Amino acid sequence: MSRPERFAKLKFAPRHVLITGASGGLGQALALQYAGPGIVLTLWGRNESRISAVAEACRQRGSVVHVHVLSLTAIDDALELFRQCDDGIPVDVLVLNAGVSDIRPAGALTETTDAVREATLVNYAVPAILATEAAARMAPRRRGRIVMIGSVAAHHDLPFATAYSSSKAGLARFSTCLHAAMAPHRVGVTLVEPGYIDTAMSRRLEGARPFLVKPDAAAALIAAAVARGDAVLVFPRIFLLLKLLSAVVPRTIAHRLLRLAKVKQAAA
């Protein structure tokens, strides 16, 4: 069964899928999830050798693959490239997967300003800008899906990762607002808020990673939610309970407990 036929069973069969951050663990898994005969993949990433390997694996599954190596901190370049990609073949699914994660250095009072700048751009500003351009193009076509990869960290005031948690929180609100705006135009917007996924990013964290999900399992959950047109996907589902607890526990108590957390991160 071809990929278009498989996704047609879920009432949405994409022809052109564009994925940012496709050289990383989840991005690679998403690319392979969508790869197949009849599917054009456009893969963006920073690491040329890794993204080339991902592209070759997708080609072996029958996809036509286009690769672009760029940093999403260059906002204007990213926006212009997206326009070119969509002009060539209209994008049916835009997966805004690229992200950065950093925590406060040991012994420091705050994160570095460089880390905050990068998180703000890559985790929030650029995805919001690209999603806005995609929505403006998809709405007249009355077809398309926009996927924002957030994090369950958006629901917690992490004192050791202020830029990461707040940038994901901003992305979450932007995504649900865009979903409200685009629903009448038959453009789906899906916010994905995973817990720990077994990728290089999460492996940098020292200590336990509870409820760890493999990238291929995460990609399958995401693709199914996007095909259904879900507004929000949180997994593993236990994080829905933690999200509720975060909303009802008094902030002073939550902050006191979070300050006790000892979180360290290995160098990239």
C-alpha atoms as a PDB file:
ATOM      1  CA  MET A   1       0.000   0.000   0.000  1.00  0.00           C
ATOM      2  CA  SER A   2       1.426   3.385  -0.987  1.00  0.00           C
ATOM      3  CA  ARG A   3       1.733   6.258   1.464  1.00  0.00           C
ATOM      4  CA  PRO A   4      -0.993   8.332  -0.249  1.00  0.00           C
ATOM      5  CA  GLU A   5      -3.388   5.364   0.025  1.00  0.00           C
ATOM      6  CA  ARG A   6      -2.420   4.841   3.653  1.00  0.00           C
ATOM      7  CA  PHE A   7      -3.076   8.447   4.618  1.00  0.00           C
ATOM      8  CA  ALA A   8      -6.231   8.577   2.480  1.00  0.00           C
ATOM      9  CA  LYS A   9      -7.758   6.134   4.962  1.00  0.00           C
ATOM     10  CA  LEU A  10      -7.302   8.928   7.510  1.00  0.00           C
ATOM     11  CA  LYS A  11      -9.030  11.413   5.127  1.00  0.00           C
ATOM     12  CA  PHE A  12      -5.885  13.375   4.319  1.00  0.00           C
ATOM     13  CA  ALA A  13      -3.326  12.242   1.759  1.00  0.00           C
ATOM     14  CA  PRO A  14      -0.349  14.638   1.554  1.00  0.00           C
ATOM     15  CA  ARG A  15       1.647  15.006  -1.639  1.00  0.00           C
ATOM     16  CA  HIS A  16       4.374  17.440  -0.491  1.00  0.00           C
ATOM     17  CA  VAL A  17       5.704  17.388   3.076  1.00  0.00           C
ATOM     18  CA  LEU A  18       8.248  19.935   4.303  1.00  0.00           C
ATOM     19  CA  ILE A  19      10.058  19.163   7.568  1.00  0.00           C
ATOM     20  CA  THR A  20      12.419  21.482   9.421  1.00  0.00           C
ATOM     21  CA  GLY A  21      15.050  19.997  11.701  1.00  0.00           C
ATOM     22  CA  ALA A  22      15.037  16.873   9.551  1.00  0.00           C
ATOM     23  CA  SER A  23      18.624  15.922  10.380  1.00  0.00           C
ATOM     24  CA  GLY A  24      17.765  15.218  14.037  1.00  0.00           C
ATOM     25  CA  GLY A  25      16.212  12.176  15.682  1.00  0.00           C
ATOM     26  CA  LEU A  26      12.520  13.113  15.568  1.00  0.00           C
ATOM     27  CA  GLY A  27      12.905  14.930  12.237  1.00  0.00           C
ATOM     28  CA  GLN A  28      14.497  11.853  10.699  1.00  0.00           C
ATOM     29  CA  ALA A  29      11.731   9.631  12.065  1.00  0.00           C
ATOM     30  CA  LEU A  30       9.066  11.962  10.681  1.00  0.00           C
ATOM     31  CA  ALA A  31      10.747  12.010   7.268  1.00  0.00           C
ATOM     32  CA  LEU A  32      10.800   8.214   7.165  1.00  0.00           C
ATOM     33  CA  GLN A  33       7.207   8.097   8.414  1.00  0.00           C
ATOM     34  CA  TYR A  34       6.003  10.165   5.475  1.00  0.00           C
ATOM     35  CA  ALA A  35       8.399   8.757   2.859  1.00  0.00           C
ATOM     36  CA  GLY A  36       6.973   6.599   0.124  1.00  0.00           C
ATOM     37  CA  PRO A  37       5.983   6.488  -3.559  1.00  0.00           C
ATOM     38  CA  GLY A  38       4.083   9.594  -4.644  1.00  0.00           C
ATOM     39  CA  ILE A  39       5.364  11.714  -1.747  1.00  0.00           C
ATOM     40  CA  VAL A  40       7.683  14.674  -2.292  1.00  0.00           C
ATOM     41  CA  LEU A  41       9.748  15.461   0.795  1.00  0.00           C
ATOM     42  CA  THR A  42      11.550  18.734   1.382  1.00  0.00           C
ATOM     43  CA  LEU A  43      13.993  18.387   4.253  1.00  0.00           C
ATOM     44  CA  TRP A  44      15.652  21.294   6.055  1.00  0.00           C
ATOM     45  CA  GLY A  45      18.494  20.873   8.511  1.00  0.00           C
ATOM     46  CA  ARG A  46      21.772  22.280   9.770  1.00  0.00           C
ATOM     47  CA  ASN A  47      23.951  19.176   9.496  1.00  0.00           C
ATOM     48  CA  GLU A  48      24.658  18.427   5.832  1.00  0.00           C
ATOM     49  CA  SER A  49      25.999  14.895   6.264  1.00  0.00           C
ATOM     50  CA  ARG A  50      23.155  13.751   8.517  1.00  0.00           C
ATOM     51  CA  ILE A  51      20.396  15.267   6.420  1.00  0.00           C
ATOM     52  CA  SER A  52      21.905  13.775   3.267  1.00  0.00           C
ATOM     53  CA  ALA A  53      21.770  10.338   4.901  1.00  0.00           C
ATOM     54  CA  VAL A  54      18.129  10.884   5.873  1.00  0.00           C
ATOM     55  CA  ALA A  55      17.324  11.964   2.327  1.00  0.00           C
ATOM     56  CA  GLU A  56      18.905   8.844   0.862  1.00  0.00           C
ATOM     57  CA  ALA A  57      16.918   6.608   3.223  1.00  0.00           C
ATOM     58  CA  CYS A  58      13.711   8.362   2.137  1.00  0.00           C
ATOM     59  CA  ARG A  59      14.591   8.001  -1.527  1.00  0.00           C
ATOM     60  CA  GLN A  60      15.020   4.272  -0.993  1.00  0.00           C
ATOM     61  CA  ARG A  61      11.397   4.230   0.178  1.00  0.00           C
ATOM     62  CA  GLY A  62      10.296   5.812  -3.088  1.00  0.00           C
ATOM     63  CA  SER A  63      10.086   9.530  -2.296  1.00  0.00           C
ATOM     64  CA  VAL A  64      11.407  12.412  -4.337  1.00  0.00           C
ATOM     65  CA  VAL A  65      13.517  14.354  -1.846  1.00  0.00           C
ATOM     66  CA  HIS A  66      14.820  17.916  -1.842  1.00  0.00           C
ATOM     67  CA  VAL A  67      17.404  18.940   0.761  1.00  0.00           C
ATOM     68  CA  HIS A  68      18.260  22.405   2.059  1.00  0.00           C
ATOM     69  CA  VAL A  69      21.004  23.112   4.595  1.00  0.00           C
ATOM     70  CA  LEU A  70      20.350  26.251   6.616  1.00  0.00           C
ATOM     71  CA  SER A  71      20.147  27.730  10.093  1.00  0.00           C
ATOM     72  CA  LEU A  72      16.741  28.954  11.202  1.00  0.00           C
ATOM     73  CA  THR A  73      18.331  31.883  12.994  1.00  0.00           C
ATOM     74  CA  ALA A  74      18.425  33.532   9.540  1.00  0.00           C
ATOM     75  CA  ILE A  75      14.747  34.487   9.542  1.00  0.00           C
ATOM     76  CA  ASP A  76      14.534  36.230   6.156  1.00  0.00           C
ATOM     77  CA  ASP A  77      16.424  33.432   4.403  1.00  0.00           C
ATOM     78  CA  ALA A  78      14.129  30.797   5.899  1.00  0.00           C
ATOM     79  CA  LEU A  79      10.996  32.696   4.884  1.00  0.00           C
ATOM     80  CA  GLU A  80      12.193  33.221   1.327  1.00  0.00           C
ATOM     81  CA  LEU A  81      13.193  29.558   1.014  1.00  0.00           C
ATOM     82  CA  PHE A  82       9.773  28.428   2.188  1.00  0.00           C
ATOM     83  CA  ARG A  83       8.124  30.641  -0.412  1.00  0.00           C
ATOM     84  CA  GLN A  84      10.305  29.115  -3.123  1.00  0.00           C
ATOM     85  CA  CYS A  85       9.514  25.572  -1.971  1.00  0.00           C
ATOM     86  CA  ASP A  86       5.773  26.247  -1.920  1.00  0.00           C
ATOM     87  CA  ASP A  87       5.849  28.019  -5.285  1.00  0.00           C
ATOM     88  CA  GLY A  88       7.496  24.959  -6.816  1.00  0.00           C
ATOM     89  CA  ILE A  89       5.098  22.362  -5.371  1.00  0.00           C
ATOM     90  CA  PRO A  90       2.388  23.506  -2.934  1.00  0.00           C
ATOM     91  CA  VAL A  91       3.206  22.257   0.557  1.00  0.00           C
ATOM     92  CA  ASP A  92       0.461  20.042   1.989  1.00  0.00           C
ATOM     93  CA  VAL A  93       2.111  19.396   5.367  1.00  0.00           C
ATOM     94  CA  LEU A  94       4.550  21.772   7.039  1.00  0.00           C
ATOM     95  CA  VAL A  95       6.222  20.190  10.067  1.00  0.00           C
ATOM     96  CA  LEU A  96       7.993  22.825  12.163  1.00  0.00           C
ATOM     97  CA  ASN A  97      10.163  20.407  14.073  1.00  0.00           C
ATOM     98  CA  ALA A  98      13.474  22.274  14.447  1.00  0.00           C
ATOM     99  CA  GLY A  99      14.215  23.332  17.996  1.00  0.00           C
ATOM    100  CA  VAL A 100      16.994  23.955  20.467  1.00  0.00           C
ATOM    101  CA  SER A 101      17.218  23.072  24.121  1.00  0.00           C
ATOM    102  CA  ASP A 102      19.577  24.569  26.646  1.00  0.00           C
ATOM    103  CA  ILE A 103      19.659  24.934  30.402  1.00  0.00           C
ATOM    104  CA  ARG A 104      21.339  27.261  32.835  1.00  0.00           C
ATOM    105  CA  PRO A 105      25.063  26.531  33.166  1.00  0.00           C
ATOM    106  CA  ALA A 106      26.138  25.015  36.459  1.00  0.00           C
ATOM    107  CA  GLY A 107      26.752  27.725  39.040  1.00  0.00           C
ATOM    108  CA  ALA A 108      25.227  30.489  36.906  1.00  0.00           C
ATOM    109  CA  LEU A 109      22.310  32.669  37.949  1.00  0.00           C
ATOM    110  CA  THR A 110      20.772  32.731  34.476  1.00  0.00           C
ATOM    111  CA  GLU A 111      21.098  31.218  31.035  1.00  0.00           C
ATOM    112  CA  THR A 112      23.413  32.971  28.607  1.00  0.00           C
ATOM    113  CA  THR A 113      21.989  35.731  26.441  1.00  0.00           C
ATOM    114  CA  ASP A 114      23.152  33.840  23.342  1.00  0.00           C
ATOM    115  CA  ALA A 115      21.160  30.788  24.428  1.00  0.00           C
ATOM    116  CA  VAL A 116      18.075  32.901  25.037  1.00  0.00           C
ATOM    117  CA  ARG A 117      18.420  34.573  21.641  1.00  0.00           C
ATOM    118  CA  GLU A 118      18.732  31.247  19.834  1.00  0.00           C
ATOM    119  CA  ALA A 119      15.806  29.656  21.689  1.00  0.00           C
ATOM    120  CA  THR A 120      13.599  32.653  21.022  1.00  0.00           C
ATOM    121  CA  LEU A 121      14.346  32.564  17.301  1.00  0.00           C
ATOM    122  CA  VAL A 122      14.394  28.828  16.613  1.00  0.00           C
ATOM    123  CA  ASN A 123      11.695  27.656  19.035  1.00  0.00           C
ATOM    124  CA  TYR A 124       9.207  30.483  18.593  1.00  0.00           C
ATOM    125  CA  ALA A 125       9.849  33.359  16.176  1.00  0.00           C
ATOM    126  CA  VAL A 126      10.775  31.420  13.034  1.00  0.00           C
ATOM    127  CA  PRO A 127       8.102  28.696  13.439  1.00  0.00           C
ATOM    128  CA  ALA A 128       5.477  31.396  13.986  1.00  0.00           C
ATOM    129  CA  ILE A 129       6.599  33.318  10.907  1.00  0.00           C
ATOM    130  CA  LEU A 130       6.768  30.241   8.668  1.00  0.00           C
ATOM    131  CA  ALA A 131       3.402  29.003   9.947  1.00  0.00           C
ATOM    132  CA  THR A 132       1.856  32.393   9.201  1.00  0.00           C
ATOM    133  CA  GLU A 133       3.150  32.331   5.620  1.00  0.00           C
ATOM    134  CA  ALA A 134       2.017  28.726   5.188  1.00  0.00           C
ATOM    135  CA  ALA A 135      -1.465  29.506   6.512  1.00  0.00           C
ATOM    136  CA  ALA A 136      -1.808  32.483   4.150  1.00  0.00           C
ATOM    137  CA  ARG A 137      -0.983  30.209   1.212  1.00  0.00           C
ATOM    138  CA  MET A 138      -2.938  27.127   2.307  1.00  0.00           C
ATOM    139  CA  ALA A 139      -6.185  28.923   3.186  1.00  0.00           C
ATOM    140  CA  PRO A 140      -7.057  29.963  -0.405  1.00  0.00           C
ATOM    141  CA  ARG A 141      -6.299  26.378  -1.491  1.00  0.00           C
ATOM    142  CA  ARG A 142      -8.544  25.095   1.346  1.00  0.00           C
ATOM    143  CA  ARG A 143      -6.030  22.359   1.973  1.00  0.00           C
ATOM    144  CA  GLY A 144      -3.067  21.833   4.252  1.00  0.00           C
ATOM    145  CA  ARG A 145      -1.691  20.924   7.641  1.00  0.00           C
ATOM    146  CA  ILE A 146       0.697  22.900   9.835  1.00  0.00           C
ATOM    147  CA  VAL A 147       2.436  21.009  12.623  1.00  0.00           C
ATOM    148  CA  MET A 148       4.128  22.779  15.530  1.00  0.00           C
ATOM    149  CA  ILE A 149       6.456  20.615  17.640  1.00  0.00           C
ATOM    150  CA  GLY A 150       6.263  22.023  21.143  1.00  0.00           C
ATOM    151  CA  SER A 151       6.986  20.397  24.495  1.00  0.00           C
ATOM    152  CA  VAL A 152       5.295  19.547  27.773  1.00  0.00           C
ATOM    153  CA  ALA A 153       7.873  21.954  29.245  1.00  0.00           C
ATOM    154  CA  ALA A 154       5.534  24.724  28.060  1.00  0.00           C
ATOM    155  CA  HIS A 155       3.289  24.017  31.046  1.00  0.00           C
ATOM    156  CA  HIS A 156       5.934  24.378  33.731  1.00  0.00           C
ATOM    157  CA  ASP A 157       7.957  27.351  35.009  1.00  0.00           C
ATOM    158  CA  LEU A 158      11.363  25.708  34.701  1.00  0.00           C
ATOM    159  CA  PRO A 159      13.865  27.965  36.506  1.00  0.00           C
ATOM    160  CA  PHE A 160      16.825  26.160  34.919  1.00  0.00           C
ATOM    161  CA  ALA A 161      15.412  26.433  31.367  1.00  0.00           C
ATOM    162  CA  THR A 162      13.552  29.729  31.234  1.00  0.00           C
ATOM    163  CA  ALA A 163      14.142  30.330  27.516  1.00  0.00           C
ATOM    164  CA  TYR A 164      13.190  26.798  26.479  1.00  0.00           C
ATOM    165  CA  SER A 165       9.999  26.498  28.518  1.00  0.00           C
ATOM    166  CA  SER A 166       8.808  30.025  27.714  1.00  0.00           C
ATOM    167  CA  SER A 167       9.543  29.746  23.985  1.00  0.00           C
ATOM    168  CA  LYS A 168       7.552  26.515  23.853  1.00  0.00           C
ATOM    169  CA  ALA A 169       4.747  28.153  25.833  1.00  0.00           C
ATOM    170  CA  GLY A 170       4.614  30.984  23.312  1.00  0.00           C
ATOM    171  CA  LEU A 171       4.575  28.484  20.465  1.00  0.00           C
ATOM    172  CA  ALA A 172       1.705  26.617  22.113  1.00  0.00           C
ATOM    173  CA  ARG A 173      -0.493  29.699  22.382  1.00  0.00           C
ATOM    174  CA  PHE A 174       0.374  30.767  18.838  1.00  0.00           C
ATOM    175  CA  SER A 175      -0.528  27.316  17.532  1.00  0.00           C
ATOM    176  CA  THR A 176      -3.946  27.163  19.190  1.00  0.00           C
ATOM    177  CA  CYS A 177      -4.712  30.730  18.064  1.00  0.00           C
ATOM    178  CA  LEU A 178      -3.782  29.844  14.482  1.00  0.00           C
ATOM    179  CA  HIS A 179      -5.913  26.700  14.718  1.00  0.00           C
ATOM    180  CA  ALA A 180      -8.904  28.871  15.641  1.00  0.00           C
ATOM    181  CA  ALA A 181      -8.218  31.185  12.713  1.00  0.00           C
ATOM    182  CA  MET A 182      -7.672  28.474  10.100  1.00  0.00           C
ATOM    183  CA  ALA A 183     -10.418  25.976  10.961  1.00  0.00           C
ATOM    184  CA  PRO A 184     -13.021  27.689   8.723  1.00  0.00           C
ATOM    185  CA  HIS A 185     -10.562  27.457   5.810  1.00  0.00           C
ATOM    186  CA  ARG A 186     -10.022  23.686   6.142  1.00  0.00           C
ATOM    187  CA  VAL A 187      -6.377  24.166   7.141  1.00  0.00           C
ATOM    188  CA  GLY A 188      -5.406  22.028  10.101  1.00  0.00           C
ATOM    189  CA  VAL A 189      -3.000  23.230  12.771  1.00  0.00           C
ATOM    190  CA  THR A 190      -1.686  20.633  15.195  1.00  0.00           C
ATOM    191  CA  LEU A 191       0.319  21.425  18.321  1.00  0.00           C
ATOM    192  CA  VAL A 192       2.439  18.462  19.422  1.00  0.00           C
ATOM    193  CA  GLU A 193       3.602  18.464  23.043  1.00  0.00           C
ATOM    194  CA  PRO A 194       5.752  15.409  23.736  1.00  0.00           C
ATOM    195  CA  GLY A 195       7.588  14.423  26.850  1.00  0.00           C
ATOM    196  CA  TYR A 196      11.013  12.818  26.550  1.00  0.00           C
ATOM    197  CA  ILE A 197      11.853  11.416  23.111  1.00  0.00           C
ATOM    198  CA  ASP A 198      14.983   9.305  22.735  1.00  0.00           C
ATOM    199  CA  THR A 199      16.987  11.786  20.652  1.00  0.00           C
ATOM    200  CA  ALA A 200      20.421  13.360  20.893  1.00  0.00           C
ATOM    201  CA  MET A 201      18.833  16.438  22.468  1.00  0.00           C
ATOM    202  CA  SER A 202      17.305  14.522  25.361  1.00  0.00           C
ATOM    203  CA  ARG A 203      20.373  12.307  25.779  1.00  0.00           C
ATOM    204  CA  ARG A 204      22.341  15.422  26.734  1.00  0.00           C
ATOM    205  CA  LEU A 205      20.323  15.606  29.943  1.00  0.00           C
ATOM    206  CA  GLU A 206      21.982  13.864  32.849  1.00  0.00           C
ATOM    207  CA  GLY A 207      19.628  11.813  34.985  1.00  0.00           C
ATOM    208  CA  ALA A 208      16.318  10.035  34.516  1.00  0.00           C
ATOM    209  CA  ARG A 209      14.133  10.546  31.454  1.00  0.00           C
ATOM    210  CA  PRO A 210      10.804   9.067  32.565  1.00  0.00           C
ATOM    211  CA  PHE A 211       8.250   7.756  30.074  1.00  0.00           C
ATOM    212  CA  LEU A 212      10.805   7.846  27.244  1.00  0.00           C
ATOM    213  CA  VAL A 213       9.354   7.419  23.732  1.00  0.00           C
ATOM    214  CA  LYS A 214      11.250   6.104  20.713  1.00  0.00           C
ATOM    215  CA  PRO A 215      11.400   8.512  17.734  1.00  0.00           C
ATOM    216  CA  ASP A 216       9.617   6.167  15.319  1.00  0.00           C
ATOM    217  CA  ALA A 217       6.751   5.660  17.773  1.00  0.00           C
ATOM    218  CA  ALA A 218       6.518   9.428  18.279  1.00  0.00           C
ATOM    219  CA  ALA A 219       6.486  10.028  14.517  1.00  0.00           C
ATOM    220  CA  ALA A 220       3.636   7.550  14.021  1.00  0.00           C
ATOM    221  CA  LEU A 221       1.557   9.242  16.729  1.00  0.00           C
ATOM    222  CA  ILE A 222       2.211  12.656  15.203  1.00  0.00           C
ATOM    223  CA  ALA A 223       1.362  11.634  11.630  1.00  0.00           C
ATOM    224  CA  ALA A 224      -1.909  10.060  12.756  1.00  0.00           C
ATOM    225  CA  ALA A 225      -2.901  13.144  14.778  1.00  0.00           C
ATOM    226  CA  VAL A 226      -2.090  15.420  11.831  1.00  0.00           C
ATOM    227  CA  ALA A 227      -4.129  13.292   9.434  1.00  0.00           C
ATOM    228  CA  ARG A 228      -7.104  13.433  11.838  1.00  0.00           C
ATOM    229  CA  GLY A 229      -6.749  17.187  12.149  1.00  0.00           C
ATOM    230  CA  ASP A 230      -6.240  17.139  15.922  1.00  0.00           C
ATOM    231  CA  ALA A 231      -5.625  20.564  17.454  1.00  0.00           C
ATOM    232  CA  VAL A 232      -3.363  19.256  20.246  1.00  0.00           C
ATOM    233  CA  LEU A 233      -1.449  16.035  20.817  1.00  0.00           C
ATOM    234  CA  VAL A 234       0.181  15.403  24.196  1.00  0.00           C
ATOM    235  CA  PHE A 235       2.110  12.184  24.785  1.00  0.00           C
ATOM    236  CA  PRO A 236       2.701  10.101  26.789  1.00  0.00           C
ATOM    237  CA  ARG A 237      -0.780  10.737  28.164  1.00  0.00           C
ATOM    238  CA  ILE A 238       0.409  10.925  31.770  1.00  0.00           C
ATOM    239  CA  PHE A 239       1.667  14.409  30.909  1.00  0.00           C
ATOM    240  CA  LEU A 240      -1.958  15.504  30.526  1.00  0.00           C
ATOM    241  CA  LEU A 241      -2.341  14.821  34.243  1.00  0.00           C
ATOM    242  CA  LEU A 242       0.879  16.687  35.039  1.00  0.00           C
ATOM    243  CA  LYS A 243      -0.399  19.607  32.929  1.00  0.00           C
ATOM    244  CA  LEU A 244      -3.569  19.700  35.031  1.00  0.00           C
ATOM    245  CA  LEU A 245      -1.604  19.522  38.271  1.00  0.00           C
ATOM    246  CA  SER A 246       0.578  22.395  37.152  1.00  0.00           C
ATOM    247  CA  ALA A 247      -2.537  24.497  36.628  1.00  0.00           C
ATOM    248  CA  VAL A 248      -3.997  23.854  40.095  1.00  0.00           C
ATOM    249  CA  VAL A 249      -0.927  23.718  42.360  1.00  0.00           C
ATOM    250  CA  PRO A 250      -0.215  27.154  43.901  1.00  0.00           C
ATOM    251  CA  ARG A 251       2.596  28.827  42.012  1.00  0.00           C
ATOM    252  CA  THR A 252       4.724  29.472  45.097  1.00  0.00           C
ATOM    253  CA  ILE A 253       4.694  25.778  45.942  1.00  0.00           C
ATOM    254  CA  ALA A 254       5.375  24.712  42.354  1.00  0.00           C
ATOM    255  CA  HIS A 255       8.293  27.130  42.088  1.00  0.00           C
ATOM    256  CA  ARG A 256       9.784  25.933  45.356  1.00  0.00           C
ATOM    257  CA  LEU A 257       9.678  22.325  44.155  1.00  0.00           C
ATOM    258  CA  LEU A 258      11.090  23.188  40.731  1.00  0.00           C
ATOM    259  CA  ARG A 259      14.014  25.068  42.282  1.00  0.00           C
ATOM    260  CA  LEU A 260      14.954  21.860  44.083  1.00  0.00           C
ATOM    261  CA  ALA A 261      15.364  19.970  40.806  1.00  0.00           C
ATOM    262  CA  LYS A 262      18.963  19.150  39.957  1.00  0.00           C
ATOM    263  CA  VAL A 263      19.150  19.143  36.194  1.00  0.00           C
ATOM    264  CA  LYS A 264      22.426  19.001  34.295  1.00  0.00           C
ATOM    265  CA  GLN A 265      23.189  18.893  30.608  1.00  0.00           C
ATOM    266  CA  ALA A 266      26.229  17.563  28.801  1.00  0.00           C
ATOM    267  CA  ALA A 267      27.951  19.733  26.226  1.00  0.00           C
ATOM    268  CA  ALA A 268      26.578  19.489  22.676  1.00  0.00           C
END
